[in-house]
Amino acid sequence: MSNHCLPFVERVNRLNRICTGIYDMEISLKFRSALVTVNEPITVFMNTKKTMLFAALKLSTLHLCDNLDMINTTHFVCLNSKGESRPLSFIYSQVWCFPHHIYMGDLLLKSCLRQNEISNSGLIAQARNTKIGALQYTIMKHATSNGIHKCLHKWMIIIITQTLMMMMMMN
């Protein structure tokens, strides 16, 4: 795990869900990410002090969490509004942590608030002032302690195929 992710695993930095929406065309055109496509779910979390922004992208059980504790890049504790917790583990999860503010986080939050018809310029201003950011991409559905549920996405198969072809061409 990158040192940049360490602030997210400190218990004092519990993340609170701010908004859940979808990855829209505007963001897709600006960032052209190969990891997420238009209309996939997003959830934006921030810590209580509003110094950290964490965005969960793609189909994931993280979208169901009211609050979130990050244990490492593949293990989380999901808390509901009653304070009940549930551990979540991901077989393949990419988390990119940045030791600075991330513009994509601003756009994700702004888009999410707009989709939910929430007018809150204060939250947008707070997001712009965050000091640390993280983007989490779930590549496969979560696995719980009860068993592993695998769900390969079509794009993952394409990426693996392309990688293998490139490796064969290099040899």
Protein backbone atom coordinates (compact mmCIF):
# COMPACT_ATOMS: atom_id res chain seq x y z
CA MET A 1 0.00 0.00 0.00
CA SER A 2 1.27 3.43 -0.93
CA ASN A 3 2.26 5.80 1.88
CA HIS A 4 -0.17 8.27 0.35
CA CYS A 5 -3.02 5.97 1.46
CA LEU A 6 -1.95 5.85 5.12
CA PRO A 7 -4.09 8.84 6.22
CA PHE A 8 -7.17 6.97 4.96
CA VAL A 9 -6.50 3.95 7.19
CA GLU A 10 -6.25 5.96 10.41
CA ARG A 11 -9.41 5.39 12.45
CA VAL A 12 -9.75 9.11 13.19
CA ASN A 13 -10.43 9.64 9.48
CA ARG A 14 -13.73 7.80 9.14
CA LEU A 15 -15.29 8.61 5.80
CA ASN A 16 -18.91 9.76 5.59
CA ARG A 17 -21.02 9.28 2.48
CA ILE A 18 -21.86 12.61 0.92
CA CYS A 19 -23.56 11.54 -2.29
CA THR A 20 -24.23 8.58 -4.59
CA GLY A 21 -24.83 8.98 -8.30
CA ILE A 22 -23.53 7.87 -11.68
CA TYR A 23 -20.40 8.57 -13.70
CA ASP A 24 -21.78 10.94 -16.31
CA MET A 25 -20.79 11.82 -19.87
CA GLU A 26 -19.27 15.19 -18.91
CA ILE A 27 -16.75 13.58 -16.54
CA SER A 28 -16.10 10.77 -19.01
CA LEU A 29 -15.20 13.27 -21.73
CA LYS A 30 -12.90 15.24 -19.42
CA PHE A 31 -10.97 12.28 -17.99
CA ARG A 32 -11.35 9.55 -20.63
CA SER A 33 -10.77 6.85 -18.02
CA ALA A 34 -10.44 3.31 -19.32
CA LEU A 35 -11.46 1.99 -15.89
CA VAL A 36 -14.97 3.39 -15.61
CA THR A 37 -17.71 3.94 -18.14
CA VAL A 38 -20.69 6.28 -18.37
CA ASN A 39 -23.62 5.37 -16.08
CA GLU A 40 -21.58 3.27 -13.66
CA PRO A 41 -22.22 4.13 -9.99
CA ILE A 42 -20.10 6.54 -7.97
CA THR A 43 -20.16 7.48 -4.31
CA VAL A 44 -18.27 10.38 -2.80
CA PHE A 45 -17.13 10.22 0.82
CA MET A 46 -15.38 12.84 2.93
CA ASN A 47 -13.98 12.75 6.44
CA THR A 48 -15.61 14.83 9.17
CA LYS A 49 -12.97 17.59 8.96
CA LYS A 50 -13.53 17.78 5.18
CA THR A 51 -9.79 17.46 4.52
CA MET A 52 -10.03 14.14 2.64
CA LEU A 53 -12.13 13.05 -0.33
CA PHE A 54 -12.60 9.40 -1.30
CA ALA A 55 -14.58 8.37 -4.39
CA ALA A 56 -15.77 4.81 -5.00
CA LEU A 57 -16.32 4.11 -8.68
CA LYS A 58 -17.91 1.16 -10.50
CA LEU A 59 -20.37 -1.40 -9.17
CA SER A 60 -19.47 -1.98 -5.53
CA THR A 61 -21.01 -2.66 -2.15
CA LEU A 62 -19.17 0.47 -0.94
CA HIS A 63 -22.08 2.46 -2.39
CA LEU A 64 -24.31 1.02 0.35
CA CYS A 65 -22.15 2.33 3.21
CA ASP A 66 -23.19 5.40 5.20
CA ASN A 67 -19.74 5.52 6.76
CA LEU A 68 -16.53 3.81 5.78
CA ASP A 69 -13.28 2.79 7.43
CA MET A 70 -10.47 1.83 5.10
CA ILE A 71 -8.27 -0.96 6.49
CA ASN A 72 -6.10 -1.20 3.35
CA THR A 73 -6.71 -0.98 -0.39
CA THR A 74 -8.76 -4.20 -0.49
CA HIS A 75 -10.37 -4.32 2.97
CA PHE A 76 -12.95 -1.89 4.34
CA VAL A 77 -15.46 -1.72 7.17
CA CYS A 78 -18.89 -0.53 6.05
CA LEU A 79 -21.11 1.11 8.67
CA ASN A 80 -24.81 1.81 8.26
CA SER A 81 -26.80 4.64 9.82
CA LYS A 82 -27.45 2.49 12.94
CA GLY A 83 -23.71 2.04 13.49
CA GLU A 84 -23.79 -1.63 12.51
CA SER A 85 -20.61 -2.67 10.76
CA ARG A 86 -19.82 -5.20 8.07
CA PRO A 87 -16.35 -6.06 6.74
CA LEU A 88 -15.92 -5.86 2.98
CA SER A 89 -13.08 -7.44 1.06
CA PHE A 90 -12.32 -7.02 -2.61
CA ILE A 91 -10.31 -9.48 -4.62
CA TYR A 92 -9.29 -6.86 -7.14
CA SER A 93 -9.53 -3.28 -6.07
CA GLN A 94 -7.44 -0.40 -7.27
CA VAL A 95 -7.08 2.55 -4.95
CA TRP A 96 -5.09 5.53 -6.05
CA CYS A 97 -4.26 7.91 -3.23
CA PHE A 98 -2.93 11.38 -3.84
CA PRO A 99 -1.12 13.58 -1.30
CA HIS A 100 -2.99 16.58 -2.68
CA HIS A 101 -6.39 17.78 -3.76
CA ILE A 102 -7.86 15.99 -6.80
CA TYR A 103 -9.90 17.91 -9.35
CA MET A 104 -11.77 14.77 -10.42
CA GLY A 105 -13.19 14.55 -6.89
CA ASP A 106 -14.66 18.04 -7.24
CA LEU A 107 -16.33 17.12 -10.50
CA LEU A 108 -17.65 13.80 -9.16
CA LEU A 109 -19.20 15.55 -6.16
CA LYS A 110 -20.63 18.42 -8.21
CA SER A 111 -22.16 15.98 -10.71
CA CYS A 112 -23.52 13.75 -7.95
CA LEU A 113 -25.15 16.67 -6.12
CA ARG A 114 -26.68 17.88 -9.40
CA GLN A 115 -28.05 14.40 -10.18
CA ASN A 116 -29.67 14.26 -6.74
CA GLU A 117 -30.97 17.82 -7.08
CA ILE A 118 -29.02 18.93 -4.03
CA SER A 119 -27.89 22.54 -4.07
CA ASN A 120 -24.96 22.80 -1.71
CA SER A 121 -22.21 25.16 -2.76
CA GLY A 122 -20.73 24.79 0.73
CA LEU A 123 -19.96 21.12 0.12
CA ILE A 124 -18.42 21.92 -3.24
CA ALA A 125 -16.23 24.59 -1.64
CA GLN A 126 -15.20 22.12 1.08
CA ALA A 127 -14.30 19.53 -1.57
CA ARG A 128 -12.10 22.10 -3.30
CA ASN A 129 -10.24 22.60 -0.03
CA THR A 130 -9.50 18.93 0.61
CA LYS A 131 -5.80 18.14 1.08
CA ILE A 132 -5.82 14.42 0.19
CA GLY A 133 -7.79 12.44 -2.36
CA ALA A 134 -8.38 8.83 -3.33
CA LEU A 135 -10.14 7.04 -6.16
CA GLN A 136 -11.25 3.44 -5.63
CA TYR A 137 -12.14 1.20 -8.56
CA THR A 138 -13.76 -2.15 -7.82
CA ILE A 139 -12.74 -4.52 -10.56
CA MET A 140 -14.67 -7.48 -9.19
CA LYS A 141 -17.66 -7.60 -6.87
CA HIS A 142 -16.93 -7.86 -3.16
CA ALA A 143 -16.08 -11.04 -1.35
CA THR A 144 -17.34 -11.43 2.19
CA SER A 145 -16.20 -13.80 4.87
CA ASN A 146 -19.08 -16.05 3.73
CA GLY A 147 -17.48 -16.70 0.36
CA ILE A 148 -16.02 -15.21 -2.77
CA HIS A 149 -18.33 -13.87 -5.46
CA LYS A 150 -16.48 -13.33 -8.72
CA CYS A 151 -17.81 -11.20 -11.49
CA LEU A 152 -15.35 -10.38 -14.26
CA HIS A 153 -16.26 -7.27 -16.17
CA LYS A 154 -16.10 -7.29 -19.96
CA TRP A 155 -13.47 -4.55 -19.98
CA MET A 156 -11.22 -6.54 -17.65
CA ILE A 157 -11.17 -9.43 -20.10
CA ILE A 158 -10.30 -7.01 -22.90
CA ILE A 159 -7.47 -5.45 -20.87
CA ILE A 160 -6.02 -8.86 -19.98
CA THR A 161 -6.23 -9.98 -23.61
CA GLN A 162 -4.53 -6.80 -24.83
CA THR A 163 -1.80 -7.12 -22.20
CA LEU A 164 -1.09 -10.72 -23.17
CA MET A 165 -0.96 -9.79 -26.85
CA MET A 166 1.50 -6.97 -26.12
CA MET A 167 3.67 -9.30 -24.04
CA MET A 168 3.72 -11.86 -26.86
CA MET A 169 4.70 -9.17 -29.36
CA MET A 170 7.58 -8.04 -27.13
CA ASN A 171 9.05 -11.56 -26.96
